[in-house]
């Protein structure tokens, strides 16, 4: 959003400082998602970048963590109803 031409300098400085601060806050809140989201498709027992994931091997990826989230941990632990 552009400021009108007649806006004083101190308001312009405050406006762009505020936008920069909001941009940094947004970045620090959203940036961890770019690490967590790829890790959530890991097929291993622990969430980490495995060698298969780094080699882009399809066996290194799964929806295991999403199944646990939807169906609960009882299914993945071998318990039956």
PDB file of N, CA and C in Angstrom:
ATOM      1  N   UNK A   1       0.845  -1.165   0.000  1.00  0.00           N
ATOM      2  CA  UNK A   1       0.000   0.000   0.000  1.00  0.00           C
ATOM      3  C   UNK A   1       0.894   1.233   0.000  1.00  0.00           C
ATOM      4  N   UNK A   2       0.723   2.050  -0.981  1.00  0.00           N
ATOM      5  CA  UNK A   2       1.562   3.238  -1.124  1.00  0.00           C
ATOM      6  C   UNK A   2       1.021   4.382  -0.261  1.00  0.00           C
ATOM      7  N   UNK A   3       1.923   5.186   0.216  1.00  0.00           N
ATOM      8  CA  UNK A   3       1.554   6.352   1.001  1.00  0.00           C
ATOM      9  C   UNK A   3       1.313   7.535   0.066  1.00  0.00           C
ATOM     10  N   UNK A   4       0.434   8.461   0.446  1.00  0.00           N
ATOM     11  CA  UNK A   4       0.232   9.661  -0.378  1.00  0.00           C
ATOM     12  C   UNK A   4       1.514  10.499  -0.440  1.00  0.00           C
ATOM     13  N   UNK A   5       1.654  11.284  -1.495  1.00  0.00           N
ATOM     14  CA  UNK A   5       2.855  12.098  -1.687  1.00  0.00           C
ATOM     15  C   UNK A   5       3.054  13.138  -0.587  1.00  0.00           C
ATOM     16  N   UNK A   6       1.997  13.579   0.031  1.00  0.00           N
ATOM     17  CA  UNK A   6       2.105  14.636   1.051  1.00  0.00           C
ATOM     18  C   UNK A   6       2.373  14.098   2.454  1.00  0.00           C
ATOM     19  N   UNK A   7       2.637  12.832   2.597  1.00  0.00           N
ATOM     20  CA  UNK A   7       2.928  12.240   3.911  1.00  0.00           C
ATOM     21  C   UNK A   7       4.298  12.709   4.400  1.00  0.00           C
ATOM     22  N   UNK A   8       4.384  13.192   5.642  1.00  0.00           N
ATOM     23  CA  UNK A   8       5.670  13.654   6.180  1.00  0.00           C
ATOM     24  C   UNK A   8       6.694  12.513   6.271  1.00  0.00           C
ATOM     25  N   UNK A   9       7.966  12.897   6.273  1.00  0.00           N
ATOM     26  CA  UNK A   9       9.060  11.930   6.274  1.00  0.00           C
ATOM     27  C   UNK A   9       9.027  11.013   7.489  1.00  0.00           C
ATOM     28  N   UNK A  10       8.762  11.567   8.675  1.00  0.00           N
ATOM     29  CA  UNK A  10       8.765  10.721   9.869  1.00  0.00           C
ATOM     30  C   UNK A  10       7.669   9.650   9.817  1.00  0.00           C
ATOM     31  N   UNK A  11       6.525   9.939   9.227  1.00  0.00           N
ATOM     32  CA  UNK A  11       5.478   8.933   9.071  1.00  0.00           C
ATOM     33  C   UNK A  11       5.870   7.881   8.032  1.00  0.00           C
ATOM     34  N   UNK A  12       6.551   8.311   6.988  1.00  0.00           N
ATOM     35  CA  UNK A  12       7.033   7.361   5.981  1.00  0.00           C
ATOM     36  C   UNK A  12       8.037   6.385   6.593  1.00  0.00           C
ATOM     37  N   UNK A  13       8.968   6.913   7.386  1.00  0.00           N
ATOM     38  CA  UNK A  13       9.960   6.064   8.042  1.00  0.00           C
ATOM     39  C   UNK A  13       9.263   5.080   8.973  1.00  0.00           C
ATOM     40  N   UNK A  14       8.306   5.567   9.778  1.00  0.00           N
ATOM     41  CA  UNK A  14       7.593   4.679  10.679  1.00  0.00           C
ATOM     42  C   UNK A  14       6.815   3.611   9.900  1.00  0.00           C
ATOM     43  N   UNK A  15       6.176   3.995   8.818  1.00  0.00           N
ATOM     44  CA  UNK A  15       5.382   3.069   8.022  1.00  0.00           C
ATOM     45  C   UNK A  15       6.249   1.937   7.472  1.00  0.00           C
ATOM     46  N   UNK A  16       7.382   2.251   6.878  1.00  0.00           N
ATOM     47  CA  UNK A  16       8.242   1.219   6.301  1.00  0.00           C
ATOM     48  C   UNK A  16       8.978   0.411   7.369  1.00  0.00           C
ATOM     49  N   UNK A  17       9.257   1.019   8.514  1.00  0.00           N
ATOM     50  CA  UNK A  17       9.824   0.265   9.637  1.00  0.00           C
ATOM     51  C   UNK A  17       8.806  -0.744  10.157  1.00  0.00           C
ATOM     52  N   UNK A  18       7.573  -0.311  10.269  1.00  0.00           N
ATOM     53  CA  UNK A  18       6.493  -1.196  10.712  1.00  0.00           C
ATOM     54  C   UNK A  18       6.305  -2.351   9.732  1.00  0.00           C
ATOM     55  N   UNK A  19       6.290  -2.082   8.425  1.00  0.00           N
ATOM     56  CA  UNK A  19       6.147  -3.140   7.427  1.00  0.00           C
ATOM     57  C   UNK A  19       7.322  -4.120   7.477  1.00  0.00           C
ATOM     58  N   UNK A  20       8.528  -3.612   7.686  1.00  0.00           N
ATOM     59  CA  UNK A  20       9.697  -4.472   7.787  1.00  0.00           C
ATOM     60  C   UNK A  20       9.607  -5.357   9.027  1.00  0.00           C
ATOM     61  N   UNK A  21       9.226  -4.769  10.153  1.00  0.00           N
ATOM     62  CA  UNK A  21       9.064  -5.544  11.383  1.00  0.00           C
ATOM     63  C   UNK A  21       8.011  -6.638  11.210  1.00  0.00           C
ATOM     64  N   UNK A  22       6.875  -6.308  10.614  1.00  0.00           N
ATOM     65  CA  UNK A  22       5.822  -7.301  10.368  1.00  0.00           C
ATOM     66  C   UNK A  22       6.325  -8.397   9.433  1.00  0.00           C
ATOM     67  N   UNK A  23       7.135  -8.044   8.450  1.00  0.00           N
ATOM     68  CA  UNK A  23       7.710  -9.033   7.549  1.00  0.00           C
ATOM     69  C   UNK A  23       8.624  -9.992   8.283  1.00  0.00           C
ATOM     70  N   UNK A  24       9.460  -9.485   9.189  1.00  0.00           N
ATOM     71  CA  UNK A  24      10.341 -10.346   9.988  1.00  0.00           C
ATOM     72  C   UNK A  24       9.543 -11.278  10.901  1.00  0.00           C
ATOM     73  N   UNK A  25       8.515 -10.755  11.541  1.00  0.00           N
ATOM     74  CA  UNK A  25       7.671 -11.581  12.409  1.00  0.00           C
ATOM     75  C   UNK A  25       7.012 -12.679  11.586  1.00  0.00           C
ATOM     76  N   UNK A  26       6.460 -12.334  10.444  1.00  0.00           N
ATOM     77  CA  UNK A  26       5.833 -13.317   9.570  1.00  0.00           C
ATOM     78  C   UNK A  26       6.844 -14.380   9.147  1.00  0.00           C
ATOM     79  N   UNK A  27       8.041 -13.969   8.778  1.00  0.00           N
ATOM     80  CA  UNK A  27       9.072 -14.915   8.359  1.00  0.00           C
ATOM     81  C   UNK A  27       9.433 -15.884   9.484  1.00  0.00           C
ATOM     82  N   UNK A  28       9.660 -15.380  10.693  1.00  0.00           N
ATOM     83  CA  UNK A  28      10.066 -16.237  11.809  1.00  0.00           C
ATOM     84  C   UNK A  28       8.935 -17.137  12.292  1.00  0.00           C
ATOM     85  N   UNK A  29       7.682 -16.786  12.009  1.00  0.00           N
ATOM     86  CA  UNK A  29       6.579 -17.663  12.359  1.00  0.00           C
ATOM     87  C   UNK A  29       6.343 -18.734  11.300  1.00  0.00           C
ATOM     88  N   UNK A  30       6.579 -18.422  10.036  1.00  0.00           N
ATOM     89  CA  UNK A  30       6.285 -19.327   8.942  1.00  0.00           C
ATOM     90  C   UNK A  30       7.492 -20.183   8.559  1.00  0.00           C
ATOM     91  N   UNK A  31       8.700 -19.706   8.724  1.00  0.00           N
ATOM     92  CA  UNK A  31       9.900 -20.416   8.274  1.00  0.00           C
ATOM     93  C   UNK A  31      10.036 -21.825   8.850  1.00  0.00           C
ATOM     94  N   UNK A  32       9.712 -22.078  10.121  1.00  0.00           N
ATOM     95  CA  UNK A  32       9.839 -23.458  10.620  1.00  0.00           C
ATOM     96  C   UNK A  32       8.953 -24.458   9.888  1.00  0.00           C
ATOM     97  N   UNK A  33       7.859 -24.003   9.309  1.00  0.00           N
ATOM     98  CA  UNK A  33       6.998 -24.913   8.563  1.00  0.00           C
ATOM     99  C   UNK A  33       7.706 -25.496   7.346  1.00  0.00           C
ATOM    100  N   UNK A  34       8.634 -24.763   6.770  1.00  0.00           N
ATOM    101  CA  UNK A  34       9.358 -25.262   5.608  1.00  0.00           C
ATOM    102  C   UNK A  34      10.346 -26.368   5.980  1.00  0.00           C
ATOM    103  N   UNK A  35      10.627 -26.534   7.252  1.00  0.00           N
ATOM    104  CA  UNK A  35      11.461 -27.644   7.722  1.00  0.00           C
ATOM    105  C   UNK A  35      10.578 -28.777   8.228  1.00  0.00           C
ATOM    106  N   UNK A  36       9.542 -28.458   8.987  1.00  0.00           N
ATOM    107  CA  UNK A  36       8.688 -29.469   9.599  1.00  0.00           C
ATOM    108  C   UNK A  36       7.864 -30.216   8.562  1.00  0.00           C
ATOM    109  N   UNK A  37       7.352 -29.533   7.570  1.00  0.00           N
ATOM    110  CA  UNK A  37       6.499 -30.193   6.580  1.00  0.00           C
ATOM    111  C   UNK A  37       7.223 -31.298   5.820  1.00  0.00           C
ATOM    112  N   UNK A  38       8.404 -31.093   5.261  1.00  0.00           N
ATOM    113  CA  UNK A  38       9.085 -32.219   4.608  1.00  0.00           C
ATOM    114  C   UNK A  38       9.452 -33.341   5.588  1.00  0.00           C
ATOM    115  N   UNK A  39       9.797 -32.993   6.813  1.00  0.00           N
ATOM    116  CA  UNK A  39      10.125 -34.020   7.803  1.00  0.00           C
ATOM    117  C   UNK A  39       8.916 -34.874   8.174  1.00  0.00           C
ATOM    118  N   UNK A  40       7.725 -34.345   8.014  1.00  0.00           N
ATOM    119  CA  UNK A  40       6.537 -35.098   8.403  1.00  0.00           C
ATOM    120  C   UNK A  40       6.240 -36.257   7.457  1.00  0.00           C
ATOM    121  N   UNK A  41       6.873 -36.317   6.301  1.00  0.00           N
ATOM    122  CA  UNK A  41       6.672 -37.418   5.363  1.00  0.00           C
ATOM    123  C   UNK A  41       7.735 -38.503   5.515  1.00  0.00           C
ATOM    124  N   UNK A  42       8.463 -38.506   6.610  1.00  0.00           N
ATOM    125  CA  UNK A  42       9.526 -39.467   6.859  1.00  0.00           C
ATOM    126  C   UNK A  42       8.937 -40.824   7.215  1.00  0.00           C
ATOM    127  N   UNK A  43       9.528 -41.894   6.694  1.00  0.00           N
ATOM    128  CA  UNK A  43       9.057 -43.250   6.967  1.00  0.00           C
ATOM    129  C   UNK A  43       9.744 -43.867   8.183  1.00  0.00           C
ATOM    130  N   UNK A  44      10.736 -43.211   8.733  1.00  0.00           N
ATOM    131  CA  UNK A  44      11.493 -43.755   9.861  1.00  0.00           C
ATOM    132  C   UNK A  44      10.718 -43.595  11.171  1.00  0.00           C
ATOM    133  N   UNK A  45      11.245 -44.212  12.235  1.00  0.00           N
ATOM    134  CA  UNK A  45      10.604 -44.137  13.542  1.00  0.00           C
ATOM    135  C   UNK A  45      10.734 -42.735  14.149  1.00  0.00           C
ATOM    136  N   UNK A  46      11.864 -42.098  13.921  1.00  0.00           N
ATOM    137  CA  UNK A  46      12.098 -40.759  14.446  1.00  0.00           C
ATOM    138  C   UNK A  46      12.068 -39.755  13.305  1.00  0.00           C
ATOM    139  N   UNK A  47      11.636 -38.553  13.618  1.00  0.00           N
ATOM    140  CA  UNK A  47      11.528 -37.523  12.590  1.00  0.00           C
ATOM    141  C   UNK A  47      12.906 -36.903  12.369  1.00  0.00           C
ATOM    142  N   UNK A  48      13.524 -37.238  11.249  1.00  0.00           N
ATOM    143  CA  UNK A  48      14.796 -36.656  10.839  1.00  0.00           C
ATOM    144  C   UNK A  48      14.961 -36.881   9.340  1.00  0.00           C
ATOM    145  N   UNK A  49      15.888 -36.194   8.736  1.00  0.00           N
ATOM    146  CA  UNK A  49      16.160 -36.376   7.315  1.00  0.00           C
ATOM    147  C   UNK A  49      17.004 -37.636   7.154  1.00  0.00           C
ATOM    148  N   UNK A  50      16.389 -38.729   6.737  1.00  0.00           N
ATOM    149  CA  UNK A  50      17.101 -39.994   6.573  1.00  0.00           C
ATOM    150  C   UNK A  50      17.874 -39.983   5.250  1.00  0.00           C
ATOM    151  N   UNK A  51      18.751 -40.963   5.093  1.00  0.00           N
ATOM    152  CA  UNK A  51      19.543 -41.066   3.867  1.00  0.00           C
ATOM    153  C   UNK A  51      18.646 -41.310   2.662  1.00  0.00           C
ATOM    154  N   UNK A  52      17.578 -42.099   2.857  1.00  0.00           N
ATOM    155  CA  UNK A  52      16.644 -42.346   1.751  1.00  0.00           C
ATOM    156  C   UNK A  52      15.899 -41.083   1.346  1.00  0.00           C
ATOM    157  N   UNK A  53      15.558 -40.260   2.329  1.00  0.00           N
ATOM    158  CA  UNK A  53      14.879 -39.001   2.004  1.00  0.00           C
ATOM    159  C   UNK A  53      15.806 -38.076   1.234  1.00  0.00           C
ATOM    160  N   UNK A  54      17.042 -37.985   1.677  1.00  0.00           N
ATOM    161  CA  UNK A  54      17.988 -37.097   1.011  1.00  0.00           C
ATOM    162  C   UNK A  54      18.322 -37.576  -0.392  1.00  0.00           C
ATOM    163  N   UNK A  55      18.230 -38.906  -0.629  1.00  0.00           N
ATOM    164  CA  UNK A  55      18.467 -39.460  -1.966  1.00  0.00           C
ATOM    165  C   UNK A  55      17.191 -39.437  -2.808  1.00  0.00           C
ATOM    166  N   UNK A  56      16.084 -38.934  -2.238  1.00  0.00           N
ATOM    167  CA  UNK A  56      14.774 -38.876  -2.889  1.00  0.00           C
ATOM    168  C   UNK A  56      14.266 -40.259  -3.284  1.00  0.00           C
ATOM    169  N   UNK A  57      14.604 -41.246  -2.459  1.00  0.00           N
ATOM    170  CA  UNK A  57      14.118 -42.609  -2.655  1.00  0.00           C
ATOM    171  C   UNK A  57      12.673 -42.677  -2.166  1.00  0.00           C
ATOM    172  N   UNK A  58      11.734 -43.164  -2.983  1.00  0.00           N
ATOM    173  CA  UNK A  58      10.328 -43.212  -2.556  1.00  0.00           C
ATOM    174  C   UNK A  58      10.093 -44.039  -1.290  1.00  0.00           C
ATOM    175  N   UNK A  59      10.958 -44.998  -0.997  1.00  0.00           N
ATOM    176  CA  UNK A  59      10.800 -45.798   0.217  1.00  0.00           C
ATOM    177  C   UNK A  59      11.085 -44.989   1.487  1.00  0.00           C
ATOM    178  N   UNK A  60      11.724 -43.862   1.353  1.00  0.00           N
ATOM    179  CA  UNK A  60      12.035 -43.019   2.503  1.00  0.00           C
ATOM    180  C   UNK A  60      10.895 -42.114   2.920  1.00  0.00           C
ATOM    181  N   UNK A  61       9.822 -42.111   2.137  1.00  0.00           N
ATOM    182  CA  UNK A  61       8.688 -41.234   2.412  1.00  0.00           C
ATOM    183  C   UNK A  61       7.448 -42.059   2.740  1.00  0.00           C
ATOM    184  N   UNK A  62       6.612 -41.564   3.627  1.00  0.00           N
ATOM    185  CA  UNK A  62       5.342 -42.217   3.926  1.00  0.00           C
ATOM    186  C   UNK A  62       4.394 -41.204   4.559  1.00  0.00           C
ATOM    187  N   UNK A  63       3.168 -41.644   4.754  1.00  0.00           N
ATOM    188  CA  UNK A  63       2.162 -40.825   5.429  1.00  0.00           C
ATOM    189  C   UNK A  63       1.935 -41.332   6.859  1.00  0.00           C
ATOM    190  N   UNK A  64       2.938 -42.002   7.397  1.00  0.00           N
ATOM    191  CA  UNK A  64       2.839 -42.641   8.708  1.00  0.00           C
ATOM    192  C   UNK A  64       2.399 -41.680   9.803  1.00  0.00           C
ATOM    193  N   UNK A  65       3.012 -40.514   9.858  1.00  0.00           N
ATOM    194  CA  UNK A  65       2.710 -39.567  10.940  1.00  0.00           C
ATOM    195  C   UNK A  65       1.297 -39.011  10.800  1.00  0.00           C
ATOM    196  N   UNK A  66       0.818 -38.888   9.564  1.00  0.00           N
ATOM    197  CA  UNK A  66      -0.541 -38.406   9.358  1.00  0.00           C
ATOM    198  C   UNK A  66      -1.553 -39.490   9.710  1.00  0.00           C
ATOM    199  N   UNK A  67      -1.228 -40.763   9.449  1.00  0.00           N
ATOM    200  CA  UNK A  67      -2.093 -41.858   9.879  1.00  0.00           C
ATOM    201  C   UNK A  67      -2.174 -41.904  11.398  1.00  0.00           C
ATOM    202  N   UNK A  68      -1.049 -41.738  12.071  1.00  0.00           N
ATOM    203  CA  UNK A  68      -1.051 -41.699  13.538  1.00  0.00           C
ATOM    204  C   UNK A  68      -1.910 -40.546  14.052  1.00  0.00           C
ATOM    205  N   UNK A  69      -1.854 -39.432  13.398  1.00  0.00           N
ATOM    206  CA  UNK A  69      -2.611 -38.268  13.832  1.00  0.00           C
ATOM    207  C   UNK A  69      -4.112 -38.500  13.637  1.00  0.00           C
ATOM    208  N   UNK A  70      -4.498 -39.155  12.544  1.00  0.00           N
ATOM    209  CA  UNK A  70      -5.914 -39.355  12.252  1.00  0.00           C
ATOM    210  C   UNK A  70      -6.484 -40.550  13.025  1.00  0.00           C
ATOM    211  N   UNK A  71      -5.801 -41.677  12.973  1.00  0.00           N
ATOM    212  CA  UNK A  71      -6.330 -42.896  13.572  1.00  0.00           C
ATOM    213  C   UNK A  71      -5.838 -43.137  14.992  1.00  0.00           C
ATOM    214  N   UNK A  72      -4.868 -42.412  15.425  1.00  0.00           N
ATOM    215  CA  UNK A  72      -4.317 -42.600  16.759  1.00  0.00           C
ATOM    216  C   UNK A  72      -3.137 -43.557  16.717  1.00  0.00           C
ATOM    217  N   UNK A  73      -2.442 -43.658  17.824  1.00  0.00           N
ATOM    218  CA  UNK A  73      -1.236 -44.477  17.864  1.00  0.00           C
ATOM    219  C   UNK A  73      -1.547 -45.953  18.076  1.00  0.00           C
ATOM    220  N   UNK A  74      -2.772 -46.311  18.410  1.00  0.00           N
ATOM    221  CA  UNK A  74      -3.112 -47.711  18.650  1.00  0.00           C
ATOM    222  C   UNK A  74      -2.925 -48.541  17.379  1.00  0.00           C
ATOM    223  N   UNK A  75      -3.271 -47.978  16.226  1.00  0.00           N
ATOM    224  CA  UNK A  75      -3.149 -48.707  14.978  1.00  0.00           C
ATOM    225  C   UNK A  75      -1.692 -48.991  14.666  1.00  0.00           C
ATOM    226  N   UNK A  76      -0.830 -48.009  14.834  1.00  0.00           N
ATOM    227  CA  UNK A  76       0.580 -48.196  14.487  1.00  0.00           C
ATOM    228  C   UNK A  76       1.317 -49.070  15.502  1.00  0.00           C
ATOM    229  N   UNK A  77       0.791 -49.216  16.708  1.00  0.00           N
ATOM    230  CA  UNK A  77       1.446 -50.026  17.730  1.00  0.00           C
ATOM    231  C   UNK A  77       0.965 -51.481  17.695  1.00  0.00           C
ATOM    232  N   UNK A  78       0.029 -51.797  16.806  1.00  0.00           N
ATOM    233  CA  UNK A  78      -0.406 -53.178  16.667  1.00  0.00           C
ATOM    234  C   UNK A  78      -1.568 -53.569  17.567  1.00  0.00           C
ATOM    235  N   UNK A  79      -2.174 -52.630  18.284  1.00  0.00           N
ATOM    236  CA  UNK A  79      -3.333 -52.943  19.125  1.00  0.00           C
ATOM    237  C   UNK A  79      -4.572 -53.046  18.265  1.00  0.00           C
ATOM    238  N   UNK A  80      -5.489 -53.888  18.644  1.00  0.00           N
ATOM    239  CA  UNK A  80      -6.770 -53.983  17.931  1.00  0.00           C
ATOM    240  C   UNK A  80      -7.897 -53.622  18.882  1.00  0.00           C
ATOM    241  N   UNK A  81      -9.039 -53.316  18.298  1.00  0.00           N
ATOM    242  CA  UNK A  81     -10.194 -52.899  19.112  1.00  0.00           C
ATOM    243  C   UNK A  81     -10.861 -54.064  19.739  1.00  0.00           C
TER     244      UNK A  81
END
